Structure formats: structure tokens, C-alpha cells
Amino acid sequence: MTTARKFRVLTLASTALVLAILILQFTQVISGFWSVTLLVIVGIPVTIAWVILERRLGAEKMRDAP
């Protein structure tokens, strides 16, 4: 599996998890504390992946620049 595909899968999975967490919060299945906790747990790997992706894209642009 290529790195780009891994990032796409991570993005789609995190979007699904965030939607599930928000639905559970708004239907009062989980409390606000647990929804925030779960959102932070989901957000940390996504943020790290986004930073890695941006650095890779920046490095590719620098390499391709004349």
C-alpha cells in the first residue's frame, strides 16, 4: 500500500469516526467529556499525518523546482 493511499484511508476513517462520535454525542449516548476525549484521540494521528504529508509535498516541490 502506497503512502498516499494510507493517508487517504486514514482521512476517510477519521472522518467516519468523527461523524460517529458527534452522532453519539448529540443523541446523548456519550457525555461531552468522552466525546472530546475521543475527538482528541482521533485528531492527533490525523494532525501528524497531515504534517507529514505537507512536508513531503514541500520536499517534492523543492526537488522539482528549477
N, C-alpha and C. Protein backbone atom coordinates (compact mmCIF):
# COMPACT_ATOMS: atom_id res chain seq x y z
N MET A 1 0.85 -1.17 0.00
CA MET A 1 0.00 0.00 0.00
C MET A 1 0.90 1.24 0.00
N THR A 2 0.64 2.15 -0.91
CA THR A 2 1.47 3.34 -1.00
C THR A 2 1.15 4.31 0.14
N THR A 3 2.05 5.23 0.34
CA THR A 3 1.86 6.21 1.41
C THR A 3 0.64 7.08 1.14
N ALA A 4 0.45 7.47 -0.10
CA ALA A 4 -0.71 8.30 -0.44
C ALA A 4 -2.02 7.57 -0.13
N ARG A 5 -2.05 6.29 -0.44
CA ARG A 5 -3.26 5.51 -0.16
C ARG A 5 -3.48 5.40 1.35
N LYS A 6 -2.40 5.25 2.11
CA LYS A 6 -2.53 5.17 3.57
C LYS A 6 -3.11 6.47 4.12
N PHE A 7 -2.65 7.61 3.59
CA PHE A 7 -3.19 8.89 4.04
C PHE A 7 -4.66 9.03 3.68
N ARG A 8 -5.04 8.56 2.49
CA ARG A 8 -6.44 8.62 2.09
C ARG A 8 -7.31 7.75 3.00
N VAL A 9 -6.84 6.56 3.31
CA VAL A 9 -7.59 5.66 4.19
C VAL A 9 -7.70 6.28 5.58
N LEU A 10 -6.62 6.85 6.09
CA LEU A 10 -6.64 7.49 7.39
C LEU A 10 -7.62 8.65 7.41
N THR A 11 -7.64 9.44 6.35
CA THR A 11 -8.56 10.58 6.28
C THR A 11 -10.01 10.11 6.26
N LEU A 12 -10.30 9.11 5.44
CA LEU A 12 -11.68 8.61 5.38
C LEU A 12 -12.11 7.97 6.71
N ALA A 13 -11.22 7.20 7.30
CA ALA A 13 -11.55 6.55 8.57
C ALA A 13 -11.75 7.58 9.68
N SER A 14 -10.92 8.59 9.71
CA SER A 14 -11.06 9.61 10.75
C SER A 14 -12.34 10.41 10.56
N THR A 15 -12.71 10.67 9.32
CA THR A 15 -13.97 11.38 9.06
C THR A 15 -15.15 10.55 9.55
N ALA A 16 -15.13 9.26 9.28
CA ALA A 16 -16.21 8.39 9.74
C ALA A 16 -16.26 8.34 11.27
N LEU A 17 -15.09 8.27 11.91
CA LEU A 17 -15.05 8.24 13.37
C LEU A 17 -15.57 9.54 13.98
N VAL A 18 -15.18 10.66 13.40
CA VAL A 18 -15.65 11.95 13.91
C VAL A 18 -17.16 12.06 13.78
N LEU A 19 -17.70 11.64 12.64
CA LEU A 19 -19.15 11.67 12.48
C LEU A 19 -19.85 10.76 13.48
N ALA A 20 -19.29 9.57 13.70
CA ALA A 20 -19.88 8.66 14.68
C ALA A 20 -19.84 9.25 16.08
N ILE A 21 -18.72 9.86 16.44
CA ILE A 21 -18.60 10.47 17.77
C ILE A 21 -19.61 11.60 17.93
N LEU A 22 -19.74 12.44 16.91
CA LEU A 22 -20.69 13.55 17.01
C LEU A 22 -22.14 13.05 17.09
N ILE A 23 -22.46 12.01 16.33
CA ILE A 23 -23.82 11.45 16.40
C ILE A 23 -24.07 10.88 17.79
N LEU A 24 -23.10 10.16 18.34
CA LEU A 24 -23.26 9.61 19.69
C LEU A 24 -23.40 10.72 20.73
N GLN A 25 -22.70 11.82 20.54
CA GLN A 25 -22.81 12.92 21.50
C GLN A 25 -24.17 13.59 21.40
N PHE A 26 -24.63 13.87 20.19
CA PHE A 26 -25.90 14.57 20.04
C PHE A 26 -27.10 13.72 20.41
N THR A 27 -26.95 12.40 20.35
CA THR A 27 -28.04 11.52 20.80
C THR A 27 -27.91 11.17 22.28
N GLN A 28 -27.00 11.80 22.97
CA GLN A 28 -26.79 11.66 24.41
C GLN A 28 -26.36 10.25 24.82
N VAL A 29 -25.74 9.50 23.92
CA VAL A 29 -25.22 8.18 24.26
C VAL A 29 -23.94 8.31 25.07
N ILE A 30 -23.09 9.28 24.69
CA ILE A 30 -21.87 9.55 25.45
C ILE A 30 -21.90 11.00 25.91
N SER A 31 -21.20 11.26 26.99
CA SER A 31 -21.18 12.62 27.54
C SER A 31 -20.19 13.49 26.79
N GLY A 32 -20.24 14.76 27.10
CA GLY A 32 -19.34 15.72 26.46
C GLY A 32 -17.88 15.43 26.72
N PHE A 33 -17.57 14.98 27.94
CA PHE A 33 -16.19 14.67 28.28
C PHE A 33 -15.64 13.57 27.38
N TRP A 34 -16.41 12.48 27.23
CA TRP A 34 -15.93 11.36 26.42
C TRP A 34 -15.89 11.70 24.94
N SER A 35 -16.80 12.53 24.48
CA SER A 35 -16.75 12.91 23.07
C SER A 35 -15.53 13.76 22.78
N VAL A 36 -15.20 14.68 23.68
CA VAL A 36 -14.00 15.48 23.49
C VAL A 36 -12.75 14.61 23.56
N THR A 37 -12.74 13.68 24.49
CA THR A 37 -11.60 12.76 24.62
C THR A 37 -11.41 11.95 23.35
N LEU A 38 -12.49 11.41 22.82
CA LEU A 38 -12.40 10.62 21.59
C LEU A 38 -12.01 11.48 20.39
N LEU A 39 -12.52 12.70 20.33
CA LEU A 39 -12.15 13.60 19.23
C LEU A 39 -10.66 13.93 19.27
N VAL A 40 -10.11 14.13 20.47
CA VAL A 40 -8.68 14.40 20.59
C VAL A 40 -7.87 13.18 20.18
N ILE A 41 -8.32 11.99 20.61
CA ILE A 41 -7.61 10.77 20.24
C ILE A 41 -7.62 10.56 18.73
N VAL A 42 -8.71 10.89 18.07
CA VAL A 42 -8.78 10.77 16.61
C VAL A 42 -7.97 11.88 15.95
N GLY A 43 -7.99 13.06 16.53
CA GLY A 43 -7.34 14.21 15.91
C GLY A 43 -5.83 14.18 15.91
N ILE A 44 -5.23 13.57 16.90
CA ILE A 44 -3.77 13.57 17.00
C ILE A 44 -3.12 12.85 15.83
N PRO A 45 -3.50 11.60 15.50
CA PRO A 45 -2.85 10.95 14.35
C PRO A 45 -3.16 11.63 13.03
N VAL A 46 -4.36 12.20 12.91
CA VAL A 46 -4.71 12.89 11.67
C VAL A 46 -3.84 14.13 11.50
N THR A 47 -3.63 14.86 12.58
CA THR A 47 -2.78 16.05 12.51
C THR A 47 -1.34 15.68 12.16
N ILE A 48 -0.84 14.63 12.77
CA ILE A 48 0.53 14.18 12.47
C ILE A 48 0.63 13.75 11.01
N ALA A 49 -0.36 13.03 10.52
CA ALA A 49 -0.35 12.60 9.11
C ALA A 49 -0.41 13.79 8.18
N TRP A 50 -1.20 14.80 8.53
CA TRP A 50 -1.30 16.00 7.70
C TRP A 50 0.05 16.73 7.65
N VAL A 51 0.74 16.83 8.77
CA VAL A 51 2.05 17.48 8.80
C VAL A 51 3.04 16.71 7.94
N ILE A 52 3.05 15.38 8.06
CA ILE A 52 3.95 14.57 7.25
C ILE A 52 3.66 14.75 5.78
N LEU A 53 2.38 14.74 5.41
CA LEU A 53 2.00 14.92 4.01
C LEU A 53 2.43 16.28 3.48
N GLU A 54 2.23 17.32 4.26
CA GLU A 54 2.63 18.66 3.83
C GLU A 54 4.15 18.77 3.67
N ARG A 55 4.89 18.15 4.56
CA ARG A 55 6.35 18.16 4.43
C ARG A 55 6.80 17.42 3.19
N ARG A 56 6.16 16.27 2.90
CA ARG A 56 6.51 15.52 1.69
C ARG A 56 6.21 16.32 0.44
N LEU A 57 5.04 16.97 0.42
CA LEU A 57 4.68 17.78 -0.75
C LEU A 57 5.65 18.95 -0.91
N GLY A 58 6.04 19.55 0.20
CA GLY A 58 7.01 20.65 0.15
C GLY A 58 8.36 20.18 -0.35
N ALA A 59 8.78 19.00 0.09
CA ALA A 59 10.06 18.46 -0.35
C ALA A 59 10.02 18.13 -1.83
N GLU A 60 8.89 17.60 -2.32
CA GLU A 60 8.77 17.30 -3.74
C GLU A 60 8.79 18.56 -4.58
N LYS A 61 8.16 19.63 -4.09
CA LYS A 61 8.16 20.90 -4.82
C LYS A 61 9.57 21.47 -4.87
N MET A 62 10.31 21.36 -3.77
CA MET A 62 11.67 21.88 -3.75
C MET A 62 12.57 21.08 -4.70
N ARG A 63 12.34 19.78 -4.77
CA ARG A 63 13.14 18.92 -5.63
C ARG A 63 12.84 19.20 -7.11
N ASP A 64 11.58 19.50 -7.41
CA ASP A 64 11.18 19.74 -8.80
C ASP A 64 11.43 21.17 -9.25
N ALA A 65 11.72 22.06 -8.33
CA ALA A 65 11.95 23.46 -8.69
C ALA A 65 13.22 23.61 -9.49
N PRO A 66 13.21 24.50 -10.50
CA PRO A 66 14.42 24.70 -11.31
C PRO A 66 15.51 25.45 -10.59
